[in-house]
Amino acid sequence: MEVEYIVVKALEDGVSIMGMTRGKQTFIHHTEKLNKGEVWLCQFTDDTSAIKIRGKARVFTKHGEIESGQSKTVKVVNKQ
């Protein structure tokens, strides 16, 4: 299995990151709290199928950049 990594950079204090499980039932198995300017490198694994981010943050993936928490819409920045 090839592992997918993402980087999350907090744009404000108190950004929450939650790792969600895969399987018959989905639940939160890991949480992190970041303050403005902090960066967290994380990965999808056999146990983690989704990552939920609450608050203003910039997310860097191999698919481009996404900003969360700006408004009701999500801004996607294409890196091509």
Protein backbone atom coordinates (compact mmCIF):
# COMPACT_ATOMS: atom_id res chain seq x y z
CA MET A 1 0.00 0.00 0.00
CA GLU A 2 1.44 3.38 -1.00
CA VAL A 3 1.03 5.89 1.82
CA GLU A 4 -0.48 9.34 1.20
CA TYR A 5 0.96 12.23 3.25
CA ILE A 6 -0.52 15.67 3.86
CA VAL A 7 0.84 18.76 5.61
CA VAL A 8 -1.43 21.01 7.69
CA LYS A 9 -0.37 24.56 8.58
CA ALA A 10 -2.54 26.36 11.17
CA LEU A 11 -3.56 29.89 10.16
CA GLU A 12 -5.10 30.58 13.59
CA ASP A 13 -4.82 29.28 17.15
CA GLY A 14 -6.85 26.20 18.08
CA VAL A 15 -7.02 24.31 14.75
CA SER A 16 -8.25 20.76 15.43
CA ILE A 17 -7.22 17.76 13.35
CA MET A 18 -9.00 14.44 13.76
CA GLY A 19 -7.95 11.09 12.30
CA MET A 20 -10.96 8.93 11.39
CA THR A 21 -10.90 5.13 11.23
CA ARG A 22 -11.83 2.88 8.35
CA GLY A 23 -14.00 -0.21 8.59
CA LYS A 24 -17.61 -1.04 9.46
CA GLN A 25 -17.86 1.88 11.90
CA THR A 26 -16.11 5.23 11.57
CA PHE A 27 -14.88 6.97 14.71
CA ILE A 28 -12.17 9.42 15.76
CA HIS A 29 -9.02 7.58 16.84
CA HIS A 30 -6.53 10.47 17.07
CA THR A 31 -6.73 14.24 17.62
CA GLU A 32 -4.22 17.08 17.43
CA LYS A 33 -4.55 20.78 18.29
CA LEU A 34 -2.37 23.32 16.45
CA ASN A 35 -1.70 26.99 17.14
CA LYS A 36 -1.08 29.63 14.48
CA GLY A 37 2.04 28.90 12.46
CA GLU A 38 2.42 25.30 13.64
CA VAL A 39 2.78 22.62 10.97
CA TRP A 40 1.80 18.95 11.21
CA LEU A 41 2.81 16.21 8.77
CA CYS A 42 0.39 13.29 8.76
CA GLN A 43 -0.44 10.25 6.66
CA PHE A 44 -3.25 7.96 5.68
CA THR A 45 -2.65 4.44 7.00
CA ASP A 46 -4.42 1.09 7.23
CA ASP A 47 -6.29 2.55 10.23
CA THR A 48 -6.84 6.14 9.02
CA SER A 49 -9.20 6.63 6.10
CA ALA A 50 -10.11 10.29 6.62
CA ILE A 51 -8.75 13.39 8.30
CA LYS A 52 -11.10 16.12 9.52
CA ILE A 53 -9.81 19.67 10.07
CA ARG A 54 -11.70 22.29 12.07
CA GLY A 55 -10.48 25.90 11.93
CA LYS A 56 -8.45 28.05 9.53
CA ALA A 57 -5.63 26.00 8.03
CA ARG A 58 -3.76 25.46 4.79
CA VAL A 59 -3.52 21.82 3.70
CA PHE A 60 -0.79 20.74 1.28
CA THR A 61 -1.24 17.49 -0.68
CA LYS A 62 0.22 16.01 -3.85
CA HIS A 63 -3.01 17.22 -5.50
CA GLY A 64 -2.49 20.88 -4.54
CA GLU A 65 -3.33 23.21 -1.64
CA ILE A 66 -6.66 23.63 0.13
CA GLU A 67 -7.60 26.30 2.68
CA SER A 68 -10.14 25.38 5.35
CA GLY A 69 -12.19 27.61 7.60
CA GLN A 70 -12.24 30.66 5.29
CA SER A 71 -15.98 30.69 4.61
CA LYS A 72 -18.68 28.28 3.49
CA THR A 73 -16.63 27.49 0.39
CA VAL A 74 -13.24 25.82 0.21
CA LYS A 75 -10.52 27.38 -1.91
CA VAL A 76 -8.45 24.88 -3.91
CA VAL A 77 -5.13 26.05 -5.36
CA ASN A 78 -4.02 23.95 -8.34
CA LYS A 79 -0.24 23.37 -8.46
CA GLN A 80 0.03 22.63 -12.19
